[in-house]
Amino acid sequence: MAQVGELLEELSSKGVDLKTLQDNSEFITVVMHASQIAVRNHHEFKKEALRNAIRNVAIGQTIDDAIRHVFLDLIDTFAELHVRILRLYQAPPQVPASLSVV
């Protein structure tokens, strides 16, 4: 919860109106879901992903409720290797033309 507080301070300093967040049921749901996952984990990469999920909802970058729920559950389920593989697929390294097989 301390990290959520720090995130809220950061968002407030960037102009996010915290008063609107306290009445935002979507934001509250994500904070509660993410907090429950964070309590069960000691992995920093998971806590970072959960903070990012909370941050995105707070700044209005939202996705469908069902997809968000699945995403948060995947954070809980995945190992760090899974996340590294996903990051690789998100931004694959550039292969020099001289090494290209095609």
C-alpha atoms as a PDB file:
ATOM      1  CA  MET A   1       0.000   0.000   0.000  1.00  0.00           C
ATOM      2  CA  ALA A   2       2.961   2.287   0.590  1.00  0.00           C
ATOM      3  CA  GLN A   3       3.942   1.882  -3.055  1.00  0.00           C
ATOM      4  CA  VAL A   4       0.390   2.745  -4.117  1.00  0.00           C
ATOM      5  CA  GLY A   5       0.665   5.875  -1.978  1.00  0.00           C
ATOM      6  CA  GLU A   6       3.946   6.802  -3.648  1.00  0.00           C
ATOM      7  CA  LEU A   7       2.374   6.226  -7.055  1.00  0.00           C
ATOM      8  CA  LEU A   8      -0.558   8.475  -6.146  1.00  0.00           C
ATOM      9  CA  GLU A   9       1.849  11.217  -5.034  1.00  0.00           C
ATOM     10  CA  GLU A  10       3.709  10.887  -8.337  1.00  0.00           C
ATOM     11  CA  LEU A  11       0.467  11.070 -10.315  1.00  0.00           C
ATOM     12  CA  SER A  12      -0.714  14.075  -8.310  1.00  0.00           C
ATOM     13  CA  SER A  13       2.541  15.901  -9.050  1.00  0.00           C
ATOM     14  CA  LYS A  14       1.902  15.242 -12.750  1.00  0.00           C
ATOM     15  CA  GLY A  15      -1.552  16.793 -12.611  1.00  0.00           C
ATOM     16  CA  VAL A  16      -3.826  13.801 -12.013  1.00  0.00           C
ATOM     17  CA  ASP A  17      -6.804  14.842  -9.872  1.00  0.00           C
ATOM     18  CA  LEU A  18      -6.855  12.381  -6.978  1.00  0.00           C
ATOM     19  CA  LYS A  19     -10.384  13.477  -6.007  1.00  0.00           C
ATOM     20  CA  THR A  20     -11.731  11.985  -9.234  1.00  0.00           C
ATOM     21  CA  LEU A  21      -9.869   8.726  -8.599  1.00  0.00           C
ATOM     22  CA  GLN A  22     -11.533   8.191  -5.220  1.00  0.00           C
ATOM     23  CA  ASP A  23     -14.913   8.108  -6.998  1.00  0.00           C
ATOM     24  CA  ASN A  24     -13.653   6.013  -9.931  1.00  0.00           C
ATOM     25  CA  SER A  25     -14.916   2.471  -9.342  1.00  0.00           C
ATOM     26  CA  GLU A  26     -12.693   1.116 -12.122  1.00  0.00           C
ATOM     27  CA  PHE A  27      -9.601   2.573 -10.438  1.00  0.00           C
ATOM     28  CA  ILE A  28     -10.621   1.270  -7.011  1.00  0.00           C
ATOM     29  CA  THR A  29     -11.231  -2.222  -8.435  1.00  0.00           C
ATOM     30  CA  VAL A  30      -7.795  -2.306 -10.061  1.00  0.00           C
ATOM     31  CA  VAL A  31      -6.072  -1.051  -6.903  1.00  0.00           C
ATOM     32  CA  MET A  32      -7.800  -3.704  -4.787  1.00  0.00           C
ATOM     33  CA  HIS A  33      -7.078  -6.524  -7.261  1.00  0.00           C
ATOM     34  CA  ALA A  34      -3.462  -5.453  -7.741  1.00  0.00           C
ATOM     35  CA  SER A  35      -2.951  -5.037  -3.995  1.00  0.00           C
ATOM     36  CA  GLN A  36      -4.165  -8.562  -3.295  1.00  0.00           C
ATOM     37  CA  ILE A  37      -1.729  -9.932  -5.879  1.00  0.00           C
ATOM     38  CA  ALA A  38       1.139  -7.818  -4.513  1.00  0.00           C
ATOM     39  CA  VAL A  39       0.592  -9.093  -0.979  1.00  0.00           C
ATOM     40  CA  ARG A  40       1.086 -12.658  -2.222  1.00  0.00           C
ATOM     41  CA  ASN A  41       4.306 -11.869  -4.113  1.00  0.00           C
ATOM     42  CA  HIS A  42       7.829 -10.819  -3.316  1.00  0.00           C
ATOM     43  CA  HIS A  43       8.977 -10.456  -6.940  1.00  0.00           C
ATOM     44  CA  GLU A  44       9.809  -6.875  -7.824  1.00  0.00           C
ATOM     45  CA  PHE A  45       9.035  -7.356 -11.535  1.00  0.00           C
ATOM     46  CA  LYS A  46       5.455  -8.320 -10.614  1.00  0.00           C
ATOM     47  CA  LYS A  47       5.071  -5.335  -8.324  1.00  0.00           C
ATOM     48  CA  GLU A  48       6.337  -3.075 -11.110  1.00  0.00           C
ATOM     49  CA  ALA A  49       3.798  -4.533 -13.546  1.00  0.00           C
ATOM     50  CA  LEU A  50       1.021  -4.031 -10.990  1.00  0.00           C
ATOM     51  CA  ARG A  51       2.065  -0.401 -10.417  1.00  0.00           C
ATOM     52  CA  ASN A  52       1.981   0.140 -14.175  1.00  0.00           C
ATOM     53  CA  ALA A  53      -1.524  -1.329 -14.371  1.00  0.00           C
ATOM     54  CA  ILE A  54      -2.700   1.032 -11.618  1.00  0.00           C
ATOM     55  CA  ARG A  55      -0.930   3.982 -13.255  1.00  0.00           C
ATOM     56  CA  ASN A  56      -2.563   3.287 -16.616  1.00  0.00           C
ATOM     57  CA  VAL A  57      -6.062   3.256 -15.145  1.00  0.00           C
ATOM     58  CA  ALA A  58      -5.337   6.424 -13.153  1.00  0.00           C
ATOM     59  CA  ILE A  59      -4.284   8.333 -16.273  1.00  0.00           C
ATOM     60  CA  GLY A  60      -7.219   7.071 -18.302  1.00  0.00           C
ATOM     61  CA  GLN A  61      -5.521   4.406 -20.406  1.00  0.00           C
ATOM     62  CA  THR A  62      -8.077   1.707 -19.792  1.00  0.00           C
ATOM     63  CA  ILE A  63      -8.948  -1.550 -21.459  1.00  0.00           C
ATOM     64  CA  ASP A  64     -11.967  -3.822 -21.289  1.00  0.00           C
ATOM     65  CA  ASP A  65     -12.697  -5.074 -17.761  1.00  0.00           C
ATOM     66  CA  ALA A  66     -12.413  -8.740 -18.747  1.00  0.00           C
ATOM     67  CA  ILE A  67      -9.055  -8.230 -20.464  1.00  0.00           C
ATOM     68  CA  ARG A  68      -7.737  -6.221 -17.528  1.00  0.00           C
ATOM     69  CA  HIS A  69      -8.815  -8.951 -15.104  1.00  0.00           C
ATOM     70  CA  VAL A  70      -7.017 -11.586 -17.202  1.00  0.00           C
ATOM     71  CA  PHE A  71      -3.936  -9.354 -17.427  1.00  0.00           C
ATOM     72  CA  LEU A  72      -3.744  -8.911 -13.654  1.00  0.00           C
ATOM     73  CA  ASP A  73      -4.193 -12.643 -13.124  1.00  0.00           C
ATOM     74  CA  LEU A  74      -1.399 -13.339 -15.617  1.00  0.00           C
ATOM     75  CA  ILE A  75       0.916 -11.077 -13.639  1.00  0.00           C
ATOM     76  CA  ASP A  76       0.120 -13.233 -10.635  1.00  0.00           C
ATOM     77  CA  THR A  77       0.695 -16.478 -12.556  1.00  0.00           C
ATOM     78  CA  PHE A  78       3.688 -15.717 -14.771  1.00  0.00           C
ATOM     79  CA  ALA A  79       7.291 -16.240 -13.766  1.00  0.00           C
ATOM     80  CA  GLU A  80       9.919 -13.651 -14.563  1.00  0.00           C
ATOM     81  CA  LEU A  81      11.022 -15.716 -17.583  1.00  0.00           C
ATOM     82  CA  HIS A  82       7.516 -15.418 -19.065  1.00  0.00           C
ATOM     83  CA  VAL A  83       7.657 -11.630 -18.762  1.00  0.00           C
ATOM     84  CA  ARG A  84      11.117 -11.488 -20.340  1.00  0.00           C
ATOM     85  CA  ILE A  85       9.880 -13.542 -23.296  1.00  0.00           C
ATOM     86  CA  LEU A  86       6.880 -11.238 -23.726  1.00  0.00           C
ATOM     87  CA  ARG A  87       9.177  -8.191 -23.650  1.00  0.00           C
ATOM     88  CA  LEU A  88      11.333  -9.826 -26.321  1.00  0.00           C
ATOM     89  CA  TYR A  89       8.305 -10.291 -28.558  1.00  0.00           C
ATOM     90  CA  GLN A  90       7.158  -6.746 -27.856  1.00  0.00           C
ATOM     91  CA  ALA A  91      10.465  -5.259 -29.024  1.00  0.00           C
ATOM     92  CA  PRO A  92      12.511  -7.898 -30.843  1.00  0.00           C
ATOM     93  CA  PRO A  93      16.171  -7.056 -31.398  1.00  0.00           C
ATOM     94  CA  GLN A  94      17.128  -5.964 -34.871  1.00  0.00           C
ATOM     95  CA  VAL A  95      18.942  -8.652 -36.832  1.00  0.00           C
ATOM     96  CA  PRO A  96      21.672  -7.290 -39.102  1.00  0.00           C
ATOM     97  CA  ALA A  97      20.884  -7.830 -42.787  1.00  0.00           C
ATOM     98  CA  SER A  98      24.087  -9.866 -43.149  1.00  0.00           C
ATOM     99  CA  LEU A  99      22.712 -12.433 -40.688  1.00  0.00           C
ATOM    100  CA  SER A 100      19.191 -12.571 -42.118  1.00  0.00           C
ATOM    101  CA  VAL A 101      18.095 -15.983 -43.353  1.00  0.00           C
ATOM    102  CA  VAL A 102      15.371 -14.696 -45.642  1.00  0.00           C
END
